[in-house]
Amino acid sequence: MSNEQRKLHQGLLNITGQLLNMDRPIKTASATTTGVSATGTGLTCHMEMVSVTLKKTQRGLGLGLVDGTKTCLDKPGVYIKTVLEDSAASATGSLKVGDRIVTVNGQTLLGMDYRSAMVLIRNAGDTLHMVVDKRDPEQRVN
């Protein structure tokens, strides 16, 4: 496993623990660039996490975002509301409406209010490294 893969693996394990609201580290886990399966304190959770790098263009990222608490989901988090055609976001082929943004440039959005998350995203520079949760929003714990 390369150093970069090891860092991604550890980052996904940390995110998995946060998503499960666990107070202690995960006992066992396996990770790939497309998914994580984790077993912790009697809970098993499968997440489809995807790491995406976007470079801002003159038109921006091409993403419309929404506060999950302001939608019919009534769940906290920053969700993708729209992906503009011919944009940096659409060029990845990975980002879809309903995806939840979990990290931006290594900083978690979990537990962060929407305004703070938007400031983080706007100030993130020209290149954003994001991890998104691609599960159906109805299957998410929080």
C-alpha atoms as a PDB file:
ATOM      1  CA  MET A   1       0.000   0.000   0.000  1.00  0.00           C
ATOM      2  CA  SER A   2       1.455   3.351  -1.015  1.00  0.00           C
ATOM      3  CA  ASN A   3       1.774   6.258   1.421  1.00  0.00           C
ATOM      4  CA  GLU A   4      -1.044   8.118  -0.393  1.00  0.00           C
ATOM      5  CA  GLN A   5      -3.320   5.066  -0.196  1.00  0.00           C
ATOM      6  CA  ARG A   6      -2.473   4.685   3.511  1.00  0.00           C
ATOM      7  CA  LYS A   7      -3.465   8.343   4.154  1.00  0.00           C
ATOM      8  CA  LEU A   8      -6.740   7.908   2.239  1.00  0.00           C
ATOM      9  CA  HIS A   9      -7.438   4.685   4.135  1.00  0.00           C
ATOM     10  CA  GLN A  10      -6.867   6.386   7.528  1.00  0.00           C
ATOM     11  CA  GLY A  11      -8.961   9.392   6.495  1.00  0.00           C
ATOM     12  CA  LEU A  12     -11.864   7.152   5.497  1.00  0.00           C
ATOM     13  CA  LEU A  13     -11.602   5.256   8.772  1.00  0.00           C
ATOM     14  CA  ASN A  14     -11.766   8.531  10.725  1.00  0.00           C
ATOM     15  CA  ILE A  15     -14.787   9.665   8.721  1.00  0.00           C
ATOM     16  CA  THR A  16     -16.462   6.303   9.236  1.00  0.00           C
ATOM     17  CA  GLY A  17     -16.094   6.646  13.000  1.00  0.00           C
ATOM     18  CA  GLN A  18     -17.559  10.150  12.913  1.00  0.00           C
ATOM     19  CA  LEU A  19     -20.511   9.032  10.804  1.00  0.00           C
ATOM     20  CA  LEU A  20     -21.257   6.253  13.254  1.00  0.00           C
ATOM     21  CA  ASN A  21     -20.998   8.716  16.184  1.00  0.00           C
ATOM     22  CA  MET A  22     -18.605   6.404  17.957  1.00  0.00           C
ATOM     23  CA  ASP A  23     -16.601   7.508  20.971  1.00  0.00           C
ATOM     24  CA  ARG A  24     -13.743   5.095  20.312  1.00  0.00           C
ATOM     25  CA  PRO A  25     -11.846   3.995  17.210  1.00  0.00           C
ATOM     26  CA  ILE A  26     -13.211   1.403  14.840  1.00  0.00           C
ATOM     27  CA  LYS A  27     -12.058  -2.115  15.724  1.00  0.00           C
ATOM     28  CA  THR A  28     -11.915  -3.495  12.194  1.00  0.00           C
ATOM     29  CA  ALA A  29     -12.329  -1.875   8.822  1.00  0.00           C
ATOM     30  CA  SER A  30     -11.493  -2.222   5.175  1.00  0.00           C
ATOM     31  CA  ALA A  31     -11.312   0.589   2.648  1.00  0.00           C
ATOM     32  CA  THR A  32     -10.916   1.221  -1.036  1.00  0.00           C
ATOM     33  CA  THR A  33     -11.177   4.402  -3.027  1.00  0.00           C
ATOM     34  CA  THR A  34     -14.852   3.643  -3.637  1.00  0.00           C
ATOM     35  CA  GLY A  35     -16.118   2.206  -0.385  1.00  0.00           C
ATOM     36  CA  VAL A  36     -15.705   1.526   3.280  1.00  0.00           C
ATOM     37  CA  SER A  37     -17.114  -1.249   5.383  1.00  0.00           C
ATOM     38  CA  ALA A  38     -16.667  -0.822   9.088  1.00  0.00           C
ATOM     39  CA  THR A  39     -17.560  -2.802  12.148  1.00  0.00           C
ATOM     40  CA  GLY A  40     -17.474  -1.008  15.469  1.00  0.00           C
ATOM     41  CA  THR A  41     -19.349  -1.337  18.711  1.00  0.00           C
ATOM     42  CA  GLY A  42     -22.011  -3.728  17.456  1.00  0.00           C
ATOM     43  CA  LEU A  43     -22.865  -1.515  14.479  1.00  0.00           C
ATOM     44  CA  THR A  44     -22.070  -2.378  10.896  1.00  0.00           C
ATOM     45  CA  CYS A  45     -22.282   0.306   8.264  1.00  0.00           C
ATOM     46  CA  HIS A  46     -21.443   0.293   4.568  1.00  0.00           C
ATOM     47  CA  MET A  47     -20.659   3.618   2.998  1.00  0.00           C
ATOM     48  CA  GLU A  48     -19.938   4.472  -0.567  1.00  0.00           C
ATOM     49  CA  MET A  49     -17.347   7.185  -0.158  1.00  0.00           C
ATOM     50  CA  VAL A  50     -15.703   8.733  -3.188  1.00  0.00           C
ATOM     51  CA  SER A  51     -12.694  11.018  -3.258  1.00  0.00           C
ATOM     52  CA  VAL A  52     -12.924  13.742  -5.922  1.00  0.00           C
ATOM     53  CA  THR A  53     -10.572  16.571  -6.917  1.00  0.00           C
ATOM     54  CA  LEU A  54     -12.092  19.654  -8.539  1.00  0.00           C
ATOM     55  CA  LYS A  55     -10.293  22.624 -10.050  1.00  0.00           C
ATOM     56  CA  LYS A  56     -12.239  25.879 -10.088  1.00  0.00           C
ATOM     57  CA  THR A  57     -12.751  27.462 -13.486  1.00  0.00           C
ATOM     58  CA  GLN A  58     -13.949  30.937 -14.402  1.00  0.00           C
ATOM     59  CA  ARG A  59     -17.455  29.515 -13.960  1.00  0.00           C
ATOM     60  CA  GLY A  60     -16.632  28.105 -10.517  1.00  0.00           C
ATOM     61  CA  LEU A  61     -17.050  24.460  -9.587  1.00  0.00           C
ATOM     62  CA  GLY A  62     -20.423  23.918 -11.213  1.00  0.00           C
ATOM     63  CA  LEU A  63     -22.077  22.763  -7.995  1.00  0.00           C
ATOM     64  CA  GLY A  64     -25.215  23.988  -6.302  1.00  0.00           C
ATOM     65  CA  LEU A  65     -25.233  23.074  -2.614  1.00  0.00           C
ATOM     66  CA  VAL A  66     -27.998  22.966  -0.023  1.00  0.00           C
ATOM     67  CA  ASP A  67     -28.290  22.679   3.760  1.00  0.00           C
ATOM     68  CA  GLY A  68     -29.851  19.288   4.451  1.00  0.00           C
ATOM     69  CA  THR A  69     -31.866  20.689   7.359  1.00  0.00           C
ATOM     70  CA  LYS A  70     -33.651  22.993   4.889  1.00  0.00           C
ATOM     71  CA  THR A  71     -34.849  20.112   2.726  1.00  0.00           C
ATOM     72  CA  CYS A  72     -37.463  17.397   3.119  1.00  0.00           C
ATOM     73  CA  LEU A  73     -34.646  15.171   4.466  1.00  0.00           C
ATOM     74  CA  ASP A  74     -34.349  17.424   7.531  1.00  0.00           C
ATOM     75  CA  LYS A  75     -30.868  15.978   8.105  1.00  0.00           C
ATOM     76  CA  PRO A  76     -27.729  18.023   8.811  1.00  0.00           C
ATOM     77  CA  GLY A  77     -25.036  18.216   6.188  1.00  0.00           C
ATOM     78  CA  VAL A  78     -24.063  19.879   2.943  1.00  0.00           C
ATOM     79  CA  TYR A  79     -25.679  18.145  -0.010  1.00  0.00           C
ATOM     80  CA  ILE A  80     -25.293  18.555  -3.749  1.00  0.00           C
ATOM     81  CA  LYS A  81     -28.453  20.181  -5.103  1.00  0.00           C
ATOM     82  CA  THR A  82     -27.356  20.644  -8.724  1.00  0.00           C
ATOM     83  CA  VAL A  83     -24.445  19.717 -10.995  1.00  0.00           C
ATOM     84  CA  LEU A  84     -24.126  22.104 -13.946  1.00  0.00           C
ATOM     85  CA  GLU A  85     -23.459  20.684 -17.401  1.00  0.00           C
ATOM     86  CA  ASP A  86     -19.979  21.239 -18.836  1.00  0.00           C
ATOM     87  CA  SER A  87     -18.557  22.144 -15.419  1.00  0.00           C
ATOM     88  CA  ALA A  88     -15.643  20.941 -13.331  1.00  0.00           C
ATOM     89  CA  ALA A  89     -18.109  18.956 -11.203  1.00  0.00           C
ATOM     90  CA  SER A  90     -19.803  17.254 -14.153  1.00  0.00           C
ATOM     91  CA  ALA A  91     -16.440  16.412 -15.747  1.00  0.00           C
ATOM     92  CA  THR A  92     -15.618  14.083 -12.839  1.00  0.00           C
ATOM     93  CA  GLY A  93     -18.587  11.870 -13.650  1.00  0.00           C
ATOM     94  CA  SER A  94     -18.723  11.056  -9.924  1.00  0.00           C
ATOM     95  CA  LEU A  95     -20.804  13.823  -8.361  1.00  0.00           C
ATOM     96  CA  LYS A  96     -24.583  13.483  -8.348  1.00  0.00           C
ATOM     97  CA  VAL A  97     -27.545  15.304  -6.850  1.00  0.00           C
ATOM     98  CA  GLY A  98     -28.068  14.032  -3.294  1.00  0.00           C
ATOM     99  CA  ASP A  99     -24.396  13.309  -2.547  1.00  0.00           C
ATOM    100  CA  ARG A 100     -23.291  14.586   0.862  1.00  0.00           C
ATOM    101  CA  ILE A 101     -19.960  16.418   1.063  1.00  0.00           C
ATOM    102  CA  VAL A 102     -18.044  14.944   4.008  1.00  0.00           C
ATOM    103  CA  THR A 103     -14.623  16.626   3.767  1.00  0.00           C
ATOM    104  CA  VAL A 104     -13.031  19.490   1.852  1.00  0.00           C
ATOM    105  CA  ASN A 105      -9.226  19.595   1.630  1.00  0.00           C
ATOM    106  CA  GLY A 106      -8.991  17.232   4.594  1.00  0.00           C
ATOM    107  CA  GLN A 107     -11.321  19.225   6.867  1.00  0.00           C
ATOM    108  CA  THR A 108     -14.496  17.499   7.971  1.00  0.00           C
ATOM    109  CA  LEU A 109     -17.863  19.122   7.418  1.00  0.00           C
ATOM    110  CA  LEU A 110     -19.485  16.718   9.876  1.00  0.00           C
ATOM    111  CA  GLY A 111     -20.993  18.695  12.727  1.00  0.00           C
ATOM    112  CA  MET A 112     -20.262  22.004  10.977  1.00  0.00           C
ATOM    113  CA  ASP A 113     -23.133  24.408  10.381  1.00  0.00           C
ATOM    114  CA  TYR A 114     -24.011  25.189   6.765  1.00  0.00           C
ATOM    115  CA  ARG A 115     -22.681  28.760   6.736  1.00  0.00           C
ATOM    116  CA  SER A 116     -19.301  27.707   8.141  1.00  0.00           C
ATOM    117  CA  ALA A 117     -19.105  24.894   5.598  1.00  0.00           C
ATOM    118  CA  MET A 118     -19.834  27.316   2.758  1.00  0.00           C
ATOM    119  CA  VAL A 119     -17.098  29.697   3.984  1.00  0.00           C
ATOM    120  CA  LEU A 120     -14.671  26.751   4.078  1.00  0.00           C
ATOM    121  CA  ILE A 121     -15.586  25.722   0.526  1.00  0.00           C
ATOM    122  CA  ARG A 122     -15.409  29.270  -0.864  1.00  0.00           C
ATOM    123  CA  ASN A 123     -12.013  29.866   0.759  1.00  0.00           C
ATOM    124  CA  ALA A 124     -10.561  26.471  -0.155  1.00  0.00           C
ATOM    125  CA  GLY A 125      -8.552  27.772  -3.087  1.00  0.00           C
ATOM    126  CA  ASP A 126      -8.560  26.797  -6.740  1.00  0.00           C
ATOM    127  CA  THR A 127      -8.322  23.052  -6.116  1.00  0.00           C
ATOM    128  CA  LEU A 128     -10.709  21.198  -3.824  1.00  0.00           C
ATOM    129  CA  HIS A 129     -10.140  17.644  -2.654  1.00  0.00           C
ATOM    130  CA  MET A 130     -13.496  16.359  -1.457  1.00  0.00           C
ATOM    131  CA  VAL A 131     -14.793  13.139  -0.011  1.00  0.00           C
ATOM    132  CA  VAL A 132     -18.483  12.594  -0.696  1.00  0.00           C
ATOM    133  CA  ASP A 133     -20.934  10.074   0.717  1.00  0.00           C
ATOM    134  CA  LYS A 134     -22.919   8.631  -2.170  1.00  0.00           C
ATOM    135  CA  ARG A 135     -25.427   6.609  -0.166  1.00  0.00           C
ATOM    136  CA  ASP A 136     -29.111   7.305  -0.528  1.00  0.00           C
ATOM    137  CA  PRO A 137     -29.825  10.141   1.958  1.00  0.00           C
ATOM    138  CA  GLU A 138     -32.550   8.039   3.590  1.00  0.00           C
ATOM    139  CA  GLN A 139     -29.920   5.450   4.607  1.00  0.00           C
ATOM    140  CA  ARG A 140     -27.695   7.920   6.447  1.00  0.00           C
ATOM    141  CA  VAL A 141     -27.517   7.902  10.231  1.00  0.00           C
ATOM    142  CA  ASN A 142     -27.004  11.693  10.407  1.00  0.00           C
END
